[in-house]
Amino acid sequence: MKGLRGNIYILAVTIMFPGVGRLGSEKALEAGPLERLFGSTAIVKILDFLTLFREWDYSKMDIAKNSGVSFRHVLRELHRLEEMGIVKMTRKVGRAHMYRFNMDNPIAKAIHNLALQIASFDAEKIAQKELAAEEKAEKTVARVTAQARL
């Protein structure tokens, strides 16, 4: 189990975000940790997307497409997030403003830590179920092998 805990973040990303990085018109992730906890609202979907992909900046249209909310919702919610300092404008590309999750903001850090804790908790539960299933399968194989020897 010790090695499993060392890779908990990798498990969280691969297990809890099955659709991460998908190309096309679909959103970038199925349901992030914040969405699973707080429900499917526009601001939660935007925060899930921006916390997971916090290393890069995105236009309003990219945020809408990748978080699975309408452009109109992004306009409204991004303004609120920017006022609180959770999201900041990083640069302008042509006429598009680019935005990024602001890890310098204490509220944003707390949101990021919460999302990571939820994902880690969920990944740990899934890993424990898989280990229990694996142990059960090993016991079954050992029992069948023992019966075959008789």
N, C-alpha and C. Protein backbone atom coordinates (compact mmCIF):
# COMPACT_ATOMS: atom_id res chain seq x y z
N MET A 1 0.82 -1.19 0.00
CA MET A 1 0.00 0.00 0.00
C MET A 1 0.86 1.25 0.00
N LYS A 2 2.08 1.18 0.54
CA LYS A 2 2.95 2.34 0.61
C LYS A 2 3.25 2.89 -0.79
N GLY A 3 3.59 2.01 -1.74
CA GLY A 3 3.87 2.45 -3.10
C GLY A 3 2.64 3.06 -3.76
N LEU A 4 1.48 2.55 -3.40
CA LEU A 4 0.23 3.08 -3.93
C LEU A 4 0.02 4.51 -3.48
N ARG A 5 0.31 4.79 -2.20
CA ARG A 5 0.15 6.16 -1.69
C ARG A 5 1.13 7.11 -2.35
N GLY A 6 2.28 6.62 -2.72
CA GLY A 6 3.25 7.46 -3.41
C GLY A 6 2.76 7.90 -4.78
N ASN A 7 1.86 7.12 -5.35
CA ASN A 7 1.34 7.43 -6.68
C ASN A 7 -0.11 7.90 -6.63
N ILE A 8 -0.57 8.39 -5.49
CA ILE A 8 -1.98 8.74 -5.33
C ILE A 8 -2.39 9.85 -6.29
N TYR A 9 -1.50 10.81 -6.55
CA TYR A 9 -1.86 11.89 -7.45
C TYR A 9 -2.06 11.37 -8.87
N ILE A 10 -1.20 10.45 -9.29
CA ILE A 10 -1.35 9.85 -10.61
C ILE A 10 -2.65 9.08 -10.69
N LEU A 11 -2.96 8.33 -9.64
CA LEU A 11 -4.24 7.62 -9.60
C LEU A 11 -5.40 8.59 -9.68
N ALA A 12 -5.29 9.68 -8.94
CA ALA A 12 -6.38 10.66 -8.93
C ALA A 12 -6.64 11.19 -10.33
N VAL A 13 -5.60 11.50 -11.05
CA VAL A 13 -5.77 12.04 -12.40
C VAL A 13 -6.28 10.98 -13.37
N THR A 14 -5.68 9.79 -13.33
CA THR A 14 -6.07 8.78 -14.32
C THR A 14 -7.40 8.11 -14.03
N ILE A 15 -7.71 7.91 -12.74
CA ILE A 15 -8.97 7.24 -12.40
C ILE A 15 -10.12 8.23 -12.30
N MET A 16 -9.88 9.35 -11.64
CA MET A 16 -10.97 10.26 -11.35
C MET A 16 -11.30 11.19 -12.52
N PHE A 17 -10.39 11.34 -13.46
CA PHE A 17 -10.63 12.20 -14.61
C PHE A 17 -10.51 11.38 -15.88
N PRO A 18 -11.46 10.48 -16.15
CA PRO A 18 -11.30 9.58 -17.28
C PRO A 18 -11.26 10.28 -18.63
N GLY A 19 -11.83 11.45 -18.75
CA GLY A 19 -11.87 12.13 -20.03
C GLY A 19 -10.86 13.24 -20.17
N VAL A 20 -9.86 13.32 -19.30
CA VAL A 20 -8.91 14.42 -19.32
C VAL A 20 -8.20 14.48 -20.66
N GLY A 21 -8.14 15.69 -21.21
CA GLY A 21 -7.38 15.92 -22.42
C GLY A 21 -8.03 15.46 -23.70
N ARG A 22 -9.31 15.12 -23.66
CA ARG A 22 -9.98 14.68 -24.88
C ARG A 22 -10.04 15.82 -25.89
N LEU A 23 -9.87 15.48 -27.13
CA LEU A 23 -9.97 16.48 -28.19
C LEU A 23 -11.38 16.47 -28.74
N GLY A 24 -11.74 17.53 -29.42
CA GLY A 24 -13.06 17.59 -30.02
C GLY A 24 -13.93 18.61 -29.32
N SER A 25 -15.24 18.49 -29.51
CA SER A 25 -16.16 19.48 -28.97
C SER A 25 -16.63 19.15 -27.57
N GLU A 26 -16.18 18.01 -27.00
CA GLU A 26 -16.59 17.64 -25.66
C GLU A 26 -15.74 18.37 -24.63
N LYS A 27 -16.26 18.43 -23.40
CA LYS A 27 -15.50 19.09 -22.35
C LYS A 27 -14.26 18.28 -22.00
N ALA A 28 -13.29 18.92 -21.36
CA ALA A 28 -11.98 18.32 -21.13
C ALA A 28 -11.98 17.25 -20.05
N LEU A 29 -12.97 17.22 -19.17
CA LEU A 29 -13.04 16.18 -18.16
C LEU A 29 -14.48 15.83 -17.86
N GLU A 30 -14.70 14.59 -17.47
CA GLU A 30 -16.06 14.11 -17.21
C GLU A 30 -16.69 14.87 -16.05
N ALA A 31 -16.27 14.59 -14.85
CA ALA A 31 -16.75 15.28 -13.66
C ALA A 31 -15.59 15.38 -12.69
N GLY A 32 -15.17 16.60 -12.43
CA GLY A 32 -14.05 16.80 -11.53
C GLY A 32 -14.47 16.64 -10.08
N PRO A 33 -13.50 16.70 -9.18
CA PRO A 33 -13.81 16.49 -7.76
C PRO A 33 -14.76 17.53 -7.19
N LEU A 34 -14.62 18.76 -7.58
CA LEU A 34 -15.51 19.80 -7.05
C LEU A 34 -16.94 19.59 -7.55
N GLU A 35 -17.07 19.19 -8.80
CA GLU A 35 -18.40 18.94 -9.37
C GLU A 35 -19.06 17.75 -8.68
N ARG A 36 -18.28 16.72 -8.35
CA ARG A 36 -18.86 15.58 -7.64
C ARG A 36 -19.33 15.97 -6.25
N LEU A 37 -18.65 16.92 -5.61
CA LEU A 37 -19.03 17.33 -4.26
C LEU A 37 -20.15 18.36 -4.27
N PHE A 38 -20.03 19.39 -5.08
CA PHE A 38 -20.96 20.52 -5.04
C PHE A 38 -22.07 20.48 -6.08
N GLY A 39 -22.02 19.53 -7.00
CA GLY A 39 -23.04 19.46 -8.03
C GLY A 39 -22.58 20.12 -9.31
N SER A 40 -23.47 20.09 -10.27
CA SER A 40 -23.11 20.50 -11.62
C SER A 40 -23.57 21.93 -11.90
N THR A 41 -22.86 22.90 -11.34
CA THR A 41 -23.16 24.30 -11.65
C THR A 41 -22.04 24.86 -12.51
N ALA A 42 -22.31 25.95 -13.17
CA ALA A 42 -21.33 26.53 -14.09
C ALA A 42 -20.03 26.89 -13.38
N ILE A 43 -20.13 27.56 -12.25
CA ILE A 43 -18.92 28.01 -11.57
C ILE A 43 -18.08 26.83 -11.08
N VAL A 44 -18.73 25.76 -10.66
CA VAL A 44 -18.01 24.58 -10.20
C VAL A 44 -17.30 23.90 -11.37
N LYS A 45 -17.97 23.81 -12.51
CA LYS A 45 -17.34 23.20 -13.69
C LYS A 45 -16.14 24.03 -14.15
N ILE A 46 -16.28 25.35 -14.11
CA ILE A 46 -15.17 26.24 -14.50
C ILE A 46 -14.01 26.06 -13.54
N LEU A 47 -14.29 26.04 -12.24
CA LEU A 47 -13.23 25.86 -11.25
C LEU A 47 -12.55 24.50 -11.39
N ASP A 48 -13.32 23.46 -11.63
CA ASP A 48 -12.74 22.13 -11.84
C ASP A 48 -11.75 22.16 -13.00
N PHE A 49 -12.17 22.74 -14.11
CA PHE A 49 -11.30 22.80 -15.28
C PHE A 49 -10.05 23.62 -15.00
N LEU A 50 -10.23 24.80 -14.42
CA LEU A 50 -9.08 25.69 -14.21
C LEU A 50 -8.13 25.16 -13.14
N THR A 51 -8.64 24.45 -12.12
CA THR A 51 -7.72 23.89 -11.11
C THR A 51 -6.91 22.74 -11.69
N LEU A 52 -7.54 21.92 -12.50
CA LEU A 52 -6.83 20.79 -13.08
C LEU A 52 -5.78 21.24 -14.10
N PHE A 53 -6.12 22.23 -14.89
CA PHE A 53 -5.22 22.72 -15.94
C PHE A 53 -4.69 24.10 -15.58
N ARG A 54 -4.23 24.26 -14.34
CA ARG A 54 -3.83 25.57 -13.81
C ARG A 54 -2.52 26.09 -14.38
N GLU A 55 -1.75 25.25 -15.04
CA GLU A 55 -0.45 25.68 -15.56
C GLU A 55 -0.55 26.54 -16.81
N TRP A 56 -1.70 26.53 -17.46
CA TRP A 56 -1.86 27.25 -18.72
C TRP A 56 -2.95 28.30 -18.62
N ASP A 57 -2.96 29.21 -19.57
CA ASP A 57 -4.01 30.21 -19.61
C ASP A 57 -4.92 29.93 -20.80
N TYR A 58 -6.17 30.39 -20.68
CA TYR A 58 -7.21 30.06 -21.65
C TYR A 58 -8.06 31.28 -21.96
N SER A 59 -8.58 31.31 -23.18
CA SER A 59 -9.55 32.35 -23.54
C SER A 59 -10.91 31.97 -22.94
N LYS A 60 -11.82 32.92 -22.95
CA LYS A 60 -13.16 32.65 -22.44
C LYS A 60 -13.83 31.53 -23.23
N MET A 61 -13.62 31.52 -24.53
CA MET A 61 -14.21 30.48 -25.37
C MET A 61 -13.62 29.10 -25.04
N ASP A 62 -12.30 29.05 -24.82
CA ASP A 62 -11.66 27.78 -24.43
C ASP A 62 -12.19 27.28 -23.09
N ILE A 63 -12.37 28.19 -22.15
CA ILE A 63 -12.90 27.82 -20.84
C ILE A 63 -14.31 27.26 -20.99
N ALA A 64 -15.13 27.93 -21.80
CA ALA A 64 -16.51 27.45 -22.01
C ALA A 64 -16.51 26.06 -22.63
N LYS A 65 -15.73 25.88 -23.68
CA LYS A 65 -15.71 24.60 -24.39
C LYS A 65 -15.18 23.47 -23.51
N ASN A 66 -14.09 23.72 -22.81
CA ASN A 66 -13.43 22.66 -22.04
C ASN A 66 -14.09 22.37 -20.69
N SER A 67 -14.85 23.33 -20.17
CA SER A 67 -15.53 23.07 -18.90
C SER A 67 -16.96 22.60 -19.12
N GLY A 68 -17.46 22.70 -20.34
CA GLY A 68 -18.80 22.21 -20.65
C GLY A 68 -19.92 23.15 -20.23
N VAL A 69 -19.63 24.44 -20.20
CA VAL A 69 -20.67 25.43 -19.88
C VAL A 69 -20.80 26.40 -21.05
N SER A 70 -21.88 27.15 -21.05
CA SER A 70 -22.10 28.09 -22.15
C SER A 70 -21.16 29.29 -22.03
N PHE A 71 -20.93 29.93 -23.15
CA PHE A 71 -20.09 31.13 -23.18
C PHE A 71 -20.67 32.21 -22.29
N ARG A 72 -21.98 32.31 -22.27
CA ARG A 72 -22.66 33.32 -21.44
C ARG A 72 -22.38 33.09 -19.95
N HIS A 73 -22.41 31.82 -19.52
CA HIS A 73 -22.08 31.51 -18.13
C HIS A 73 -20.64 31.87 -17.80
N VAL A 74 -19.74 31.60 -18.74
CA VAL A 74 -18.33 31.93 -18.51
C VAL A 74 -18.17 33.43 -18.34
N LEU A 75 -18.85 34.22 -19.17
CA LEU A 75 -18.76 35.68 -19.05
C LEU A 75 -19.18 36.13 -17.65
N ARG A 76 -20.28 35.58 -17.16
CA ARG A 76 -20.80 35.98 -15.85
C ARG A 76 -19.90 35.49 -14.71
N GLU A 77 -19.56 34.21 -14.73
CA GLU A 77 -18.82 33.61 -13.61
C GLU A 77 -17.35 34.02 -13.59
N LEU A 78 -16.74 34.17 -14.74
CA LEU A 78 -15.34 34.56 -14.80
C LEU A 78 -15.14 35.94 -14.19
N HIS A 79 -16.10 36.81 -14.42
CA HIS A 79 -16.03 38.15 -13.84
C HIS A 79 -16.03 38.06 -12.31
N ARG A 80 -16.90 37.21 -11.74
CA ARG A 80 -16.94 37.02 -10.28
C ARG A 80 -15.64 36.44 -9.76
N LEU A 81 -15.11 35.43 -10.47
CA LEU A 81 -13.86 34.80 -10.04
C LEU A 81 -12.68 35.78 -10.12
N GLU A 82 -12.71 36.63 -11.13
CA GLU A 82 -11.65 37.62 -11.30
C GLU A 82 -11.72 38.68 -10.20
N GLU A 83 -12.93 39.09 -9.83
CA GLU A 83 -13.09 40.07 -8.75
C GLU A 83 -12.54 39.54 -7.43
N MET A 84 -12.68 38.23 -7.20
CA MET A 84 -12.19 37.63 -5.96
C MET A 84 -10.70 37.28 -6.04
N GLY A 85 -10.10 37.42 -7.21
CA GLY A 85 -8.68 37.14 -7.37
C GLY A 85 -8.38 35.67 -7.58
N ILE A 86 -9.40 34.85 -7.75
CA ILE A 86 -9.20 33.41 -7.95
C ILE A 86 -8.68 33.13 -9.36
N VAL A 87 -9.11 33.95 -10.29
CA VAL A 87 -8.68 33.87 -11.69
C VAL A 87 -8.09 35.22 -12.06
N LYS A 88 -7.04 35.21 -12.86
CA LYS A 88 -6.46 36.48 -13.30
C LYS A 88 -6.23 36.47 -14.80
N MET A 89 -6.34 37.65 -15.38
CA MET A 89 -6.02 37.78 -16.80
C MET A 89 -4.51 37.82 -16.93
N THR A 90 -3.98 37.00 -17.83
CA THR A 90 -2.52 36.91 -17.96
C THR A 90 -1.98 37.70 -19.15
N ARG A 91 -2.74 37.73 -20.25
CA ARG A 91 -2.25 38.39 -21.45
C ARG A 91 -3.38 38.54 -22.45
N LYS A 92 -3.09 39.25 -23.52
CA LYS A 92 -4.03 39.41 -24.63
C LYS A 92 -3.41 38.76 -25.86
N VAL A 93 -4.22 37.96 -26.55
CA VAL A 93 -3.79 37.36 -27.81
C VAL A 93 -4.78 37.85 -28.86
N GLY A 94 -4.35 38.81 -29.66
CA GLY A 94 -5.29 39.45 -30.59
C GLY A 94 -6.33 40.19 -29.78
N ARG A 95 -7.60 39.84 -29.99
CA ARG A 95 -8.67 40.47 -29.22
C ARG A 95 -9.08 39.63 -28.01
N ALA A 96 -8.53 38.44 -27.90
CA ALA A 96 -8.92 37.54 -26.81
C ALA A 96 -8.08 37.79 -25.56
N HIS A 97 -8.75 37.84 -24.42
CA HIS A 97 -8.07 37.91 -23.13
C HIS A 97 -7.86 36.49 -22.64
N MET A 98 -6.68 36.23 -22.12
CA MET A 98 -6.34 34.89 -21.62
C MET A 98 -6.38 34.92 -20.09
N TYR A 99 -6.96 33.84 -19.51
CA TYR A 99 -7.13 33.75 -18.06
C TYR A 99 -6.49 32.49 -17.52
N ARG A 100 -6.10 32.59 -16.25
CA ARG A 100 -5.42 31.48 -15.59
C ARG A 100 -5.84 31.42 -14.13
N PHE A 101 -5.85 30.23 -13.56
CA PHE A 101 -6.13 30.05 -12.14
C PHE A 101 -4.99 30.68 -11.36
N ASN A 102 -5.32 31.54 -10.39
CA ASN A 102 -4.32 32.34 -9.68
C ASN A 102 -3.88 31.64 -8.39
N MET A 103 -2.81 30.87 -8.47
CA MET A 103 -2.32 30.13 -7.31
C MET A 103 -1.65 31.04 -6.27
N ASP A 104 -1.51 32.32 -6.57
CA ASP A 104 -0.98 33.26 -5.58
C ASP A 104 -2.06 33.71 -4.60
N ASN A 105 -3.31 33.47 -4.95
CA ASN A 105 -4.45 33.86 -4.12
C ASN A 105 -4.72 32.77 -3.08
N PRO A 106 -4.88 33.12 -1.79
CA PRO A 106 -5.11 32.10 -0.77
C PRO A 106 -6.42 31.33 -0.96
N ILE A 107 -7.44 31.99 -1.48
CA ILE A 107 -8.71 31.29 -1.74
C ILE A 107 -8.51 30.26 -2.85
N ALA A 108 -7.79 30.64 -3.89
CA ALA A 108 -7.53 29.72 -5.00
C ALA A 108 -6.71 28.53 -4.52
N LYS A 109 -5.72 28.78 -3.65
CA LYS A 109 -4.93 27.68 -3.10
C LYS A 109 -5.82 26.72 -2.32
N ALA A 110 -6.73 27.28 -1.53
CA ALA A 110 -7.63 26.45 -0.74
C ALA A 110 -8.54 25.61 -1.64
N ILE A 111 -9.04 26.21 -2.72
CA ILE A 111 -9.88 25.48 -3.68
C ILE A 111 -9.08 24.36 -4.32
N HIS A 112 -7.85 24.65 -4.72
CA HIS A 112 -6.99 23.64 -5.33
C HIS A 112 -6.72 22.50 -4.35
N ASN A 113 -6.40 22.83 -3.10
CA ASN A 113 -6.14 21.79 -2.09
C ASN A 113 -7.39 20.96 -1.83
N LEU A 114 -8.56 21.59 -1.79
CA LEU A 114 -9.80 20.85 -1.59
C LEU A 114 -10.03 19.87 -2.74
N ALA A 115 -9.85 20.34 -3.97
CA ALA A 115 -10.04 19.47 -5.14
C ALA A 115 -9.07 18.29 -5.10
N LEU A 116 -7.83 18.56 -4.71
CA LEU A 116 -6.83 17.49 -4.63
C LEU A 116 -7.18 16.50 -3.52
N GLN A 117 -7.65 16.98 -2.38
CA GLN A 117 -8.04 16.10 -1.29
C GLN A 117 -9.21 15.21 -1.68
N ILE A 118 -10.19 15.79 -2.36
CA ILE A 118 -11.35 15.00 -2.81
C ILE A 118 -10.90 13.92 -3.80
N ALA A 119 -10.07 14.30 -4.76
CA ALA A 119 -9.58 13.34 -5.75
C ALA A 119 -8.74 12.25 -5.08
N SER A 120 -7.91 12.62 -4.12
CA SER A 120 -7.09 11.64 -3.41
C SER A 120 -7.95 10.68 -2.61
N PHE A 121 -8.97 11.20 -1.94
CA PHE A 121 -9.88 10.37 -1.16
C PHE A 121 -10.59 9.37 -2.06
N ASP A 122 -11.12 9.86 -3.19
CA ASP A 122 -11.81 8.99 -4.13
C ASP A 122 -10.87 7.94 -4.72
N ALA A 123 -9.65 8.35 -5.06
CA ALA A 123 -8.67 7.41 -5.62
C ALA A 123 -8.29 6.35 -4.60
N GLU A 124 -8.16 6.74 -3.35
CA GLU A 124 -7.83 5.79 -2.29
C GLU A 124 -8.94 4.76 -2.13
N LYS A 125 -10.20 5.21 -2.17
CA LYS A 125 -11.33 4.28 -2.08
C LYS A 125 -11.32 3.29 -3.23
N ILE A 126 -11.08 3.77 -4.43
CA ILE A 126 -11.06 2.91 -5.61
C ILE A 126 -9.89 1.92 -5.50
N ALA A 127 -8.74 2.40 -5.07
CA ALA A 127 -7.57 1.52 -4.93
C ALA A 127 -7.82 0.43 -3.89
N GLN A 128 -8.47 0.78 -2.78
CA GLN A 128 -8.78 -0.22 -1.76
C GLN A 128 -9.74 -1.28 -2.29
N LYS A 129 -10.73 -0.86 -3.07
CA LYS A 129 -11.67 -1.81 -3.67
C LYS A 129 -10.94 -2.75 -4.63
N GLU A 130 -10.05 -2.18 -5.44
CA GLU A 130 -9.30 -3.00 -6.39
C GLU A 130 -8.37 -3.97 -5.67
N LEU A 131 -7.73 -3.54 -4.58
CA LEU A 131 -6.87 -4.44 -3.82
C LEU A 131 -7.68 -5.55 -3.17
N ALA A 132 -8.85 -5.22 -2.65
CA ALA A 132 -9.71 -6.25 -2.05
C ALA A 132 -10.15 -7.26 -3.10
N ALA A 133 -10.50 -6.78 -4.30
CA ALA A 133 -10.91 -7.68 -5.37
C ALA A 133 -9.74 -8.56 -5.81
N GLU A 134 -8.54 -7.99 -5.85
CA GLU A 134 -7.36 -8.75 -6.22
C GLU A 134 -7.05 -9.83 -5.18
N GLU A 135 -7.15 -9.48 -3.90
CA GLU A 135 -6.93 -10.47 -2.83
C GLU A 135 -7.96 -11.59 -2.90
N LYS A 136 -9.20 -11.24 -3.18
CA LYS A 136 -10.26 -12.24 -3.30
C LYS A 136 -9.96 -13.18 -4.47
N ALA A 137 -9.51 -12.62 -5.59
CA ALA A 137 -9.19 -13.44 -6.76
C ALA A 137 -8.02 -14.37 -6.45
N GLU A 138 -7.01 -13.86 -5.73
CA GLU A 138 -5.86 -14.70 -5.37
C GLU A 138 -6.29 -15.86 -4.47
N LYS A 139 -7.17 -15.58 -3.51
CA LYS A 139 -7.68 -16.64 -2.64
C LYS A 139 -8.45 -17.69 -3.42
N THR A 140 -9.24 -17.24 -4.39
CA THR A 140 -10.01 -18.16 -5.23
C THR A 140 -9.07 -19.04 -6.04
N VAL A 141 -8.04 -18.45 -6.62
CA VAL A 141 -7.07 -19.22 -7.41
C VAL A 141 -6.36 -20.24 -6.51
N ALA A 142 -5.99 -19.81 -5.30
CA ALA A 142 -5.31 -20.73 -4.37
C ALA A 142 -6.24 -21.88 -3.97
N ARG A 143 -7.52 -21.58 -3.76
CA ARG A 143 -8.48 -22.62 -3.38
C ARG A 143 -8.68 -23.60 -4.52
N VAL A 144 -8.84 -23.08 -5.73
CA VAL A 144 -9.05 -23.94 -6.91
C VAL A 144 -7.82 -24.80 -7.15
N THR A 145 -6.64 -24.22 -6.98
CA THR A 145 -5.39 -24.96 -7.17
C THR A 145 -5.29 -26.07 -6.13
N ALA A 146 -5.64 -25.76 -4.89
CA ALA A 146 -5.59 -26.77 -3.82
C ALA A 146 -6.57 -27.90 -4.09
N GLN A 147 -7.76 -27.57 -4.60
CA GLN A 147 -8.75 -28.59 -4.93
C GLN A 147 -8.31 -29.45 -6.10
N ALA A 148 -7.61 -28.84 -7.04
CA ALA A 148 -7.15 -29.59 -8.22
C ALA A 148 -6.06 -30.60 -7.84
N ARG A 149 -5.31 -30.30 -6.79
CA ARG A 149 -4.25 -31.21 -6.34
C ARG A 149 -4.84 -32.44 -5.65
N LEU A 150 -6.05 -32.33 -5.15
CA LEU A 150 -6.67 -33.45 -4.45
C LEU A 150 -7.14 -34.43 -5.45
